[in-house]
Amino acid sequence: MEKQGVVIKPIADFLTDKPDFSGTTILGDGSIGLILDIPLCLTRQKGVVQRRQRAMELAALGLGGGGIQFIN
């Protein structure tokens, strides 16, 4: 197996409002790679699924306020 060095840099200013990314790195070919915060992505997705499920349950009971609205 080949060894590879990795340098992780702080996230660029234009991506600071994107919490799913935790940093950047320069790949071996010179291109830039974004580093995803996988635990945060999974936690956020779980919350979205739970809110959607709850909205569908309320709509089925007639308590949804006239329609289902999905908000991320």
N, C-alpha and C. Protein backbone atom coordinates (compact mmCIF):
# COMPACT_ATOMS: atom_id res chain seq x y z
N MET A 1 0.84 -1.17 0.00
CA MET A 1 0.00 0.00 0.00
C MET A 1 0.90 1.24 0.00
N GLU A 2 0.54 2.20 -0.81
CA GLU A 2 1.33 3.42 -0.95
C GLU A 2 0.95 4.43 0.12
N LYS A 3 1.95 5.12 0.67
CA LYS A 3 1.69 6.17 1.65
C LYS A 3 1.42 7.47 0.91
N GLN A 4 0.58 8.30 1.53
CA GLN A 4 0.24 9.59 0.95
C GLN A 4 0.10 10.60 2.06
N GLY A 5 0.73 11.76 1.90
CA GLY A 5 0.61 12.83 2.88
C GLY A 5 -0.59 13.70 2.56
N VAL A 6 -1.23 14.18 3.61
CA VAL A 6 -2.41 15.02 3.43
C VAL A 6 -2.25 16.25 4.31
N VAL A 7 -2.52 17.42 3.73
CA VAL A 7 -2.53 18.67 4.48
C VAL A 7 -3.95 19.22 4.42
N ILE A 8 -4.53 19.46 5.57
CA ILE A 8 -5.90 20.00 5.63
C ILE A 8 -5.82 21.47 5.99
N LYS A 9 -6.50 22.30 5.21
CA LYS A 9 -6.52 23.74 5.43
C LYS A 9 -7.90 24.14 5.96
N PRO A 10 -7.97 25.25 6.70
CA PRO A 10 -9.28 25.74 7.15
C PRO A 10 -10.16 26.07 5.95
N ILE A 11 -11.43 26.06 6.16
CA ILE A 11 -12.39 26.31 5.08
C ILE A 11 -12.25 27.76 4.60
N ALA A 12 -12.41 27.96 3.30
CA ALA A 12 -12.32 29.30 2.71
C ALA A 12 -13.49 30.17 3.17
N ASP A 13 -13.26 31.47 3.19
CA ASP A 13 -14.29 32.41 3.66
C ASP A 13 -15.62 32.26 2.93
N PHE A 14 -15.59 31.98 1.63
CA PHE A 14 -16.84 31.90 0.88
C PHE A 14 -17.63 30.63 1.18
N LEU A 15 -17.08 29.72 1.95
CA LEU A 15 -17.80 28.50 2.31
C LEU A 15 -18.13 28.42 3.80
N THR A 16 -17.86 29.47 4.54
CA THR A 16 -18.09 29.40 5.99
C THR A 16 -19.57 29.25 6.35
N ASP A 17 -20.47 29.62 5.44
CA ASP A 17 -21.89 29.46 5.72
C ASP A 17 -22.41 28.09 5.30
N LYS A 18 -21.52 27.20 4.89
CA LYS A 18 -21.86 25.83 4.49
C LYS A 18 -21.33 24.87 5.56
N PRO A 19 -22.14 24.58 6.58
CA PRO A 19 -21.64 23.79 7.71
C PRO A 19 -21.29 22.33 7.38
N ASP A 20 -21.72 21.85 6.21
CA ASP A 20 -21.43 20.46 5.86
C ASP A 20 -19.96 20.24 5.52
N PHE A 21 -19.23 21.32 5.24
CA PHE A 21 -17.82 21.20 4.90
C PHE A 21 -16.98 21.61 6.09
N SER A 22 -15.98 20.78 6.41
CA SER A 22 -15.14 21.10 7.56
C SER A 22 -13.76 21.60 7.17
N GLY A 23 -13.39 21.49 5.90
CA GLY A 23 -12.09 21.96 5.48
C GLY A 23 -11.85 21.69 4.02
N THR A 24 -10.64 22.02 3.58
CA THR A 24 -10.23 21.78 2.19
C THR A 24 -8.84 21.18 2.20
N THR A 25 -8.48 20.58 1.08
CA THR A 25 -7.13 20.05 0.93
C THR A 25 -6.72 20.18 -0.52
N ILE A 26 -5.43 20.21 -0.76
CA ILE A 26 -4.90 20.24 -2.12
C ILE A 26 -4.50 18.81 -2.46
N LEU A 27 -5.10 18.26 -3.49
CA LEU A 27 -4.86 16.88 -3.90
C LEU A 27 -3.54 16.77 -4.66
N GLY A 28 -3.08 15.56 -4.87
CA GLY A 28 -1.81 15.31 -5.53
C GLY A 28 -1.69 15.92 -6.91
N ASP A 29 -2.80 16.04 -7.62
CA ASP A 29 -2.77 16.62 -8.97
C ASP A 29 -2.92 18.13 -8.96
N GLY A 30 -2.98 18.75 -7.76
CA GLY A 30 -3.08 20.20 -7.64
C GLY A 30 -4.50 20.70 -7.50
N SER A 31 -5.48 19.85 -7.68
CA SER A 31 -6.87 20.30 -7.53
C SER A 31 -7.23 20.38 -6.05
N ILE A 32 -8.29 21.11 -5.77
CA ILE A 32 -8.74 21.32 -4.39
C ILE A 32 -9.87 20.36 -4.07
N GLY A 33 -9.80 19.73 -2.92
CA GLY A 33 -10.85 18.83 -2.47
C GLY A 33 -11.53 19.39 -1.23
N LEU A 34 -12.84 19.30 -1.19
CA LEU A 34 -13.60 19.71 -0.02
C LEU A 34 -13.74 18.52 0.92
N ILE A 35 -13.66 18.77 2.20
CA ILE A 35 -13.78 17.71 3.20
C ILE A 35 -15.14 17.83 3.87
N LEU A 36 -15.95 16.79 3.72
CA LEU A 36 -17.29 16.77 4.31
C LEU A 36 -17.22 16.37 5.78
N ASP A 37 -18.07 16.98 6.58
CA ASP A 37 -18.25 16.59 7.98
C ASP A 37 -19.37 15.56 7.99
N ILE A 38 -19.02 14.30 7.81
CA ILE A 38 -20.01 13.23 7.65
C ILE A 38 -20.94 13.10 8.86
N PRO A 39 -20.43 13.11 10.10
CA PRO A 39 -21.36 13.01 11.24
C PRO A 39 -22.39 14.15 11.24
N LEU A 40 -21.96 15.36 10.92
CA LEU A 40 -22.90 16.48 10.88
C LEU A 40 -23.93 16.29 9.77
N CYS A 41 -23.49 15.84 8.60
CA CYS A 41 -24.42 15.60 7.48
C CYS A 41 -25.48 14.57 7.87
N LEU A 42 -25.06 13.49 8.51
CA LEU A 42 -26.00 12.45 8.91
C LEU A 42 -26.98 12.95 9.98
N THR A 43 -26.48 13.72 10.92
CA THR A 43 -27.34 14.27 11.97
C THR A 43 -28.37 15.22 11.38
N ARG A 44 -27.93 16.09 10.45
CA ARG A 44 -28.86 17.03 9.82
C ARG A 44 -29.91 16.28 9.00
N GLN A 45 -29.50 15.25 8.27
CA GLN A 45 -30.43 14.48 7.45
C GLN A 45 -31.45 13.76 8.32
N LYS A 46 -31.01 13.23 9.46
CA LYS A 46 -31.92 12.55 10.37
C LYS A 46 -33.00 13.52 10.85
N GLY A 47 -32.63 14.77 11.15
CA GLY A 47 -33.59 15.77 11.58
C GLY A 47 -34.59 16.10 10.49
N VAL A 48 -34.13 16.17 9.24
CA VAL A 48 -35.02 16.45 8.11
C VAL A 48 -36.04 15.32 7.96
N VAL A 49 -35.58 14.09 8.03
CA VAL A 49 -36.47 12.93 7.89
C VAL A 49 -37.50 12.93 9.02
N GLN A 50 -37.08 13.20 10.23
CA GLN A 50 -38.01 13.21 11.37
C GLN A 50 -39.07 14.30 11.21
N ARG A 51 -38.66 15.50 10.74
CA ARG A 51 -39.64 16.58 10.55
C ARG A 51 -40.63 16.23 9.45
N ARG A 52 -40.16 15.62 8.37
CA ARG A 52 -41.06 15.22 7.29
C ARG A 52 -42.04 14.15 7.75
N GLN A 53 -41.53 13.19 8.50
CA GLN A 53 -42.41 12.13 9.00
C GLN A 53 -43.48 12.71 9.92
N ARG A 54 -43.09 13.62 10.78
CA ARG A 54 -44.06 14.24 11.71
C ARG A 54 -45.11 15.05 10.92
N ALA A 55 -44.68 15.77 9.89
CA ALA A 55 -45.63 16.55 9.07
C ALA A 55 -46.63 15.63 8.38
N MET A 56 -46.16 14.49 7.89
CA MET A 56 -47.07 13.54 7.23
C MET A 56 -48.04 12.94 8.23
N GLU A 57 -47.57 12.65 9.46
CA GLU A 57 -48.45 12.12 10.50
C GLU A 57 -49.53 13.14 10.86
N LEU A 58 -49.16 14.39 11.01
CA LEU A 58 -50.14 15.44 11.33
C LEU A 58 -51.14 15.62 10.20
N ALA A 59 -50.67 15.57 8.97
CA ALA A 59 -51.56 15.72 7.81
C ALA A 59 -52.56 14.57 7.77
N ALA A 60 -52.09 13.35 8.08
CA ALA A 60 -52.98 12.19 8.07
C ALA A 60 -54.07 12.31 9.14
N LEU A 61 -53.75 13.02 10.22
CA LEU A 61 -54.72 13.23 11.29
C LEU A 61 -55.57 14.46 11.04
N GLY A 62 -55.30 15.16 9.94
CA GLY A 62 -56.04 16.39 9.65
C GLY A 62 -55.58 17.58 10.47
N LEU A 63 -54.39 17.49 11.02
CA LEU A 63 -53.85 18.56 11.86
C LEU A 63 -52.70 19.31 11.19
N GLY A 64 -52.53 19.09 9.91
CA GLY A 64 -51.37 19.66 9.22
C GLY A 64 -51.55 21.06 8.69
N GLY A 65 -52.66 21.71 8.96
CA GLY A 65 -52.84 23.08 8.53
C GLY A 65 -53.13 23.23 7.05
N GLY A 66 -53.69 22.21 6.41
CA GLY A 66 -54.11 22.33 5.02
C GLY A 66 -53.10 21.85 4.01
N GLY A 67 -51.97 21.42 4.40
CA GLY A 67 -50.99 20.91 3.45
C GLY A 67 -49.69 20.56 4.14
N ILE A 68 -48.91 19.75 3.48
CA ILE A 68 -47.62 19.36 4.05
C ILE A 68 -46.58 20.32 3.52
N GLN A 69 -45.79 20.88 4.41
CA GLN A 69 -44.72 21.78 4.02
C GLN A 69 -43.42 21.19 4.55
N PHE A 70 -42.49 20.90 3.64
CA PHE A 70 -41.21 20.34 4.03
C PHE A 70 -40.19 21.46 4.11
N ILE A 71 -39.60 21.59 5.28
CA ILE A 71 -38.60 22.63 5.50
C ILE A 71 -37.32 21.94 5.95
N ASN A 72 -36.24 22.22 5.25
CA ASN A 72 -34.93 21.65 5.62
C ASN A 72 -34.29 22.48 6.69
